[in-house]
Amino acid sequence: MTDEQQVQIEAAVFRRLRDHLQAHTEVQNIDLMILADFCRNCLGKWYAAAAEDAGLELEKSSAQEAVYGMPYDEWKARHQVPATAEQRDAFAARKKG
């Protein structure tokens, strides 16, 4: 595999993950953090960091929109629900461990 092919494959995998997360709005960010130690917000931060590493300026809101498929505040209003006590406890335990 060439470097270019690897980049193309990795980009396709990212797009598939992004699309999957956009399609499954029932999966809350806190659930992702508890189970996988990353969430949509993390992907947005990594997206912005990669742009910066490439010498590009990208606002945080633009990176989030690239991940969420809409402005973050809109996604949050449409899809985010308050964390349950169980989720908060599991997240706190994850951070400790």
N, C-alpha and C. Protein backbone atom coordinates (compact mmCIF):
# COMPACT_ATOMS: atom_id res chain seq x y z
N MET A 1 0.86 -1.18 0.00
CA MET A 1 0.00 0.00 0.00
C MET A 1 0.90 1.24 0.00
N THR A 2 0.57 2.18 -0.86
CA THR A 2 1.34 3.42 -0.90
C THR A 2 0.86 4.36 0.20
N ASP A 3 1.65 5.38 0.48
CA ASP A 3 1.24 6.38 1.47
C ASP A 3 -0.05 7.06 1.05
N GLU A 4 -0.19 7.36 -0.22
CA GLU A 4 -1.40 8.00 -0.73
C GLU A 4 -2.62 7.09 -0.55
N GLN A 5 -2.45 5.82 -0.85
CA GLN A 5 -3.56 4.88 -0.66
C GLN A 5 -3.95 4.78 0.81
N GLN A 6 -2.96 4.77 1.69
CA GLN A 6 -3.24 4.71 3.12
C GLN A 6 -4.03 5.94 3.57
N VAL A 7 -3.63 7.11 3.10
CA VAL A 7 -4.34 8.34 3.45
C VAL A 7 -5.78 8.28 2.93
N GLN A 8 -5.97 7.79 1.72
CA GLN A 8 -7.31 7.68 1.15
C GLN A 8 -8.18 6.72 1.97
N ILE A 9 -7.61 5.62 2.36
CA ILE A 9 -8.36 4.64 3.16
C ILE A 9 -8.69 5.22 4.53
N GLU A 10 -7.72 5.85 5.16
CA GLU A 10 -7.95 6.44 6.48
C GLU A 10 -9.02 7.53 6.41
N ALA A 11 -8.99 8.32 5.36
CA ALA A 11 -10.01 9.36 5.18
C ALA A 11 -11.39 8.74 5.00
N ALA A 12 -11.46 7.66 4.24
CA ALA A 12 -12.74 6.98 4.04
C ALA A 12 -13.26 6.38 5.35
N VAL A 13 -12.37 5.85 6.15
CA VAL A 13 -12.76 5.29 7.45
C VAL A 13 -13.29 6.40 8.36
N PHE A 14 -12.61 7.55 8.38
CA PHE A 14 -13.09 8.68 9.18
C PHE A 14 -14.48 9.09 8.72
N ARG A 15 -14.68 9.22 7.41
CA ARG A 15 -16.00 9.63 6.91
C ARG A 15 -17.07 8.62 7.29
N ARG A 16 -16.72 7.35 7.25
CA ARG A 16 -17.70 6.32 7.62
C ARG A 16 -18.04 6.41 9.11
N LEU A 17 -17.04 6.63 9.96
CA LEU A 17 -17.29 6.81 11.39
C LEU A 17 -18.12 8.06 11.63
N ARG A 18 -17.77 9.15 10.97
CA ARG A 18 -18.53 10.40 11.09
C ARG A 18 -19.99 10.19 10.69
N ASP A 19 -20.19 9.57 9.55
CA ASP A 19 -21.55 9.33 9.05
C ASP A 19 -22.32 8.42 10.00
N HIS A 20 -21.66 7.42 10.53
CA HIS A 20 -22.30 6.50 11.47
C HIS A 20 -22.75 7.26 12.72
N LEU A 21 -21.88 8.10 13.26
CA LEU A 21 -22.25 8.88 14.45
C LEU A 21 -23.35 9.88 14.14
N GLN A 22 -23.33 10.47 12.95
CA GLN A 22 -24.40 11.40 12.58
C GLN A 22 -25.74 10.67 12.45
N ALA A 23 -25.71 9.43 12.00
CA ALA A 23 -26.94 8.66 11.83
C ALA A 23 -27.47 8.12 13.16
N HIS A 24 -26.61 8.00 14.14
CA HIS A 24 -27.01 7.41 15.42
C HIS A 24 -26.97 8.46 16.52
N THR A 25 -27.86 9.41 16.38
CA THR A 25 -27.93 10.50 17.36
C THR A 25 -28.43 10.03 18.71
N GLU A 26 -29.01 8.83 18.75
CA GLU A 26 -29.46 8.30 20.04
C GLU A 26 -28.27 7.95 20.94
N VAL A 27 -27.11 7.78 20.35
CA VAL A 27 -25.91 7.50 21.13
C VAL A 27 -25.38 8.84 21.63
N GLN A 28 -25.44 9.00 22.92
CA GLN A 28 -25.03 10.26 23.54
C GLN A 28 -23.51 10.32 23.68
N ASN A 29 -22.98 11.53 23.65
CA ASN A 29 -21.54 11.71 23.81
C ASN A 29 -21.04 11.12 25.12
N ILE A 30 -21.80 11.27 26.19
CA ILE A 30 -21.35 10.73 27.47
C ILE A 30 -21.23 9.22 27.41
N ASP A 31 -22.13 8.56 26.67
CA ASP A 31 -22.03 7.11 26.50
C ASP A 31 -20.75 6.73 25.77
N LEU A 32 -20.43 7.49 24.74
CA LEU A 32 -19.18 7.25 24.02
C LEU A 32 -17.98 7.44 24.94
N MET A 33 -18.01 8.48 25.74
CA MET A 33 -16.89 8.75 26.66
C MET A 33 -16.75 7.62 27.67
N ILE A 34 -17.86 7.13 28.19
CA ILE A 34 -17.81 6.05 29.18
C ILE A 34 -17.24 4.79 28.56
N LEU A 35 -17.71 4.45 27.37
CA LEU A 35 -17.33 3.19 26.74
C LEU A 35 -16.01 3.23 25.99
N ALA A 36 -15.74 4.36 25.33
CA ALA A 36 -14.60 4.39 24.42
C ALA A 36 -13.57 5.48 24.73
N ASP A 37 -13.87 6.32 25.70
CA ASP A 37 -12.97 7.40 26.10
C ASP A 37 -12.74 8.43 24.98
N PHE A 38 -13.73 8.57 24.11
CA PHE A 38 -13.75 9.64 23.12
C PHE A 38 -15.20 9.86 22.71
N CYS A 39 -15.47 11.03 22.13
CA CYS A 39 -16.82 11.33 21.68
C CYS A 39 -16.75 12.23 20.44
N ARG A 40 -17.89 12.70 20.01
CA ARG A 40 -17.95 13.58 18.84
C ARG A 40 -17.12 14.85 19.08
N ASN A 41 -17.17 15.37 20.31
CA ASN A 41 -16.38 16.57 20.60
C ASN A 41 -14.89 16.30 20.45
N CYS A 42 -14.45 15.13 20.88
CA CYS A 42 -13.05 14.75 20.72
C CYS A 42 -12.69 14.71 19.23
N LEU A 43 -13.56 14.12 18.42
CA LEU A 43 -13.30 14.07 16.98
C LEU A 43 -13.18 15.47 16.40
N GLY A 44 -14.03 16.38 16.85
CA GLY A 44 -13.95 17.76 16.39
C GLY A 44 -12.62 18.41 16.76
N LYS A 45 -12.17 18.15 17.99
CA LYS A 45 -10.87 18.69 18.43
C LYS A 45 -9.74 18.09 17.62
N TRP A 46 -9.80 16.79 17.37
CA TRP A 46 -8.76 16.13 16.58
C TRP A 46 -8.77 16.63 15.14
N TYR A 47 -9.94 16.90 14.62
CA TYR A 47 -10.09 17.44 13.27
C TYR A 47 -9.41 18.80 13.18
N ALA A 48 -9.70 19.66 14.15
CA ALA A 48 -9.09 21.00 14.18
C ALA A 48 -7.58 20.90 14.35
N ALA A 49 -7.12 19.99 15.20
CA ALA A 49 -5.67 19.82 15.41
C ALA A 49 -4.98 19.34 14.14
N ALA A 50 -5.62 18.44 13.41
CA ALA A 50 -5.04 17.96 12.16
C ALA A 50 -4.95 19.08 11.13
N ALA A 51 -5.97 19.92 11.10
CA ALA A 51 -5.93 21.08 10.19
C ALA A 51 -4.77 22.00 10.58
N GLU A 52 -4.64 22.24 11.87
CA GLU A 52 -3.54 23.09 12.34
C GLU A 52 -2.18 22.49 11.99
N ASP A 53 -2.05 21.17 12.18
CA ASP A 53 -0.80 20.48 11.83
C ASP A 53 -0.48 20.63 10.35
N ALA A 54 -1.53 20.76 9.53
CA ALA A 54 -1.35 20.93 8.08
C ALA A 54 -1.16 22.39 7.71
N GLY A 55 -1.10 23.27 8.72
CA GLY A 55 -0.88 24.69 8.47
C GLY A 55 -2.14 25.44 8.09
N LEU A 56 -3.30 24.88 8.39
CA LEU A 56 -4.57 25.51 8.06
C LEU A 56 -5.23 26.07 9.31
N GLU A 57 -5.91 27.18 9.16
CA GLU A 57 -6.69 27.74 10.26
C GLU A 57 -8.11 27.21 10.14
N LEU A 58 -8.61 26.67 11.23
CA LEU A 58 -9.97 26.14 11.24
C LEU A 58 -10.57 26.45 12.60
N GLU A 59 -11.66 27.17 12.59
CA GLU A 59 -12.32 27.51 13.84
C GLU A 59 -12.91 26.26 14.47
N LYS A 60 -12.97 26.26 15.80
CA LYS A 60 -13.52 25.14 16.54
C LYS A 60 -14.94 24.82 16.05
N SER A 61 -15.73 25.85 15.84
CA SER A 61 -17.12 25.63 15.41
C SER A 61 -17.18 24.95 14.04
N SER A 62 -16.27 25.28 13.16
CA SER A 62 -16.24 24.64 11.84
C SER A 62 -15.83 23.18 11.94
N ALA A 63 -14.89 22.88 12.82
CA ALA A 63 -14.48 21.50 13.02
C ALA A 63 -15.62 20.70 13.62
N GLN A 64 -16.32 21.28 14.59
CA GLN A 64 -17.46 20.58 15.19
C GLN A 64 -18.55 20.33 14.15
N GLU A 65 -18.80 21.31 13.31
CA GLU A 65 -19.84 21.14 12.28
C GLU A 65 -19.46 20.04 11.30
N ALA A 66 -18.16 19.91 11.01
CA ALA A 66 -17.71 18.84 10.12
C ALA A 66 -18.01 17.47 10.72
N VAL A 67 -17.94 17.36 12.04
CA VAL A 67 -18.20 16.09 12.71
C VAL A 67 -19.69 15.88 12.94
N TYR A 68 -20.38 16.90 13.44
CA TYR A 68 -21.79 16.76 13.80
C TYR A 68 -22.74 16.83 12.60
N GLY A 69 -22.27 17.42 11.49
CA GLY A 69 -23.14 17.57 10.33
C GLY A 69 -24.07 18.76 10.43
N MET A 70 -23.89 19.56 11.44
CA MET A 70 -24.68 20.77 11.70
C MET A 70 -23.96 21.54 12.80
N PRO A 71 -24.32 22.78 13.02
CA PRO A 71 -23.69 23.49 14.13
C PRO A 71 -23.92 22.73 15.45
N TYR A 72 -22.89 22.73 16.29
CA TYR A 72 -22.95 21.97 17.54
C TYR A 72 -24.15 22.36 18.38
N ASP A 73 -24.42 23.64 18.52
CA ASP A 73 -25.55 24.08 19.35
C ASP A 73 -26.88 23.52 18.83
N GLU A 74 -27.00 23.43 17.52
CA GLU A 74 -28.21 22.86 16.92
C GLU A 74 -28.30 21.36 17.23
N TRP A 75 -27.19 20.63 17.07
CA TRP A 75 -27.17 19.21 17.39
C TRP A 75 -27.54 18.98 18.85
N LYS A 76 -26.93 19.78 19.70
CA LYS A 76 -27.17 19.65 21.14
C LYS A 76 -28.65 19.87 21.47
N ALA A 77 -29.26 20.89 20.89
CA ALA A 77 -30.67 21.18 21.14
C ALA A 77 -31.58 20.07 20.61
N ARG A 78 -31.21 19.49 19.47
CA ARG A 78 -32.04 18.44 18.85
C ARG A 78 -31.87 17.06 19.49
N HIS A 79 -30.63 16.75 19.89
CA HIS A 79 -30.33 15.35 20.20
C HIS A 79 -29.78 15.06 21.59
N GLN A 80 -29.19 16.05 22.23
CA GLN A 80 -28.57 15.74 23.52
C GLN A 80 -29.60 15.79 24.63
N VAL A 81 -29.56 14.79 25.47
CA VAL A 81 -30.45 14.75 26.63
C VAL A 81 -29.58 14.86 27.88
N PRO A 82 -30.17 15.32 28.98
CA PRO A 82 -29.37 15.41 30.20
C PRO A 82 -28.84 14.03 30.62
N ALA A 83 -27.63 14.02 31.11
CA ALA A 83 -27.04 12.77 31.58
C ALA A 83 -27.78 12.28 32.81
N THR A 84 -27.94 10.98 32.87
CA THR A 84 -28.58 10.38 34.04
C THR A 84 -27.56 10.31 35.18
N ALA A 85 -28.05 10.06 36.37
CA ALA A 85 -27.16 9.89 37.52
C ALA A 85 -26.20 8.72 37.27
N GLU A 86 -26.71 7.65 36.67
CA GLU A 86 -25.89 6.49 36.37
C GLU A 86 -24.77 6.83 35.38
N GLN A 87 -25.11 7.61 34.36
CA GLN A 87 -24.10 8.02 33.38
C GLN A 87 -23.04 8.90 34.04
N ARG A 88 -23.48 9.83 34.85
CA ARG A 88 -22.52 10.72 35.53
C ARG A 88 -21.60 9.91 36.44
N ASP A 89 -22.16 8.93 37.16
CA ASP A 89 -21.34 8.10 38.04
C ASP A 89 -20.36 7.26 37.24
N ALA A 90 -20.82 6.68 36.14
CA ALA A 90 -19.94 5.86 35.30
C ALA A 90 -18.84 6.70 34.69
N PHE A 91 -19.16 7.92 34.28
CA PHE A 91 -18.15 8.81 33.70
C PHE A 91 -17.12 9.19 34.76
N ALA A 92 -17.59 9.51 35.96
CA ALA A 92 -16.67 9.86 37.06
C ALA A 92 -15.75 8.68 37.40
N ALA A 93 -16.31 7.48 37.42
CA ALA A 93 -15.53 6.28 37.71
C ALA A 93 -14.49 6.05 36.61
N ARG A 94 -14.88 6.30 35.38
CA ARG A 94 -13.95 6.13 34.24
C ARG A 94 -12.78 7.10 34.36
N LYS A 95 -13.08 8.32 34.74
CA LYS A 95 -12.02 9.32 34.88
C LYS A 95 -11.05 8.96 36.00
N LYS A 96 -11.55 8.36 37.06
CA LYS A 96 -10.71 7.96 38.19
C LYS A 96 -9.81 6.78 37.82
N GLY A 97 -10.40 5.85 37.06
CA GLY A 97 -9.71 4.59 36.78
C GLY A 97 -8.76 4.67 35.65
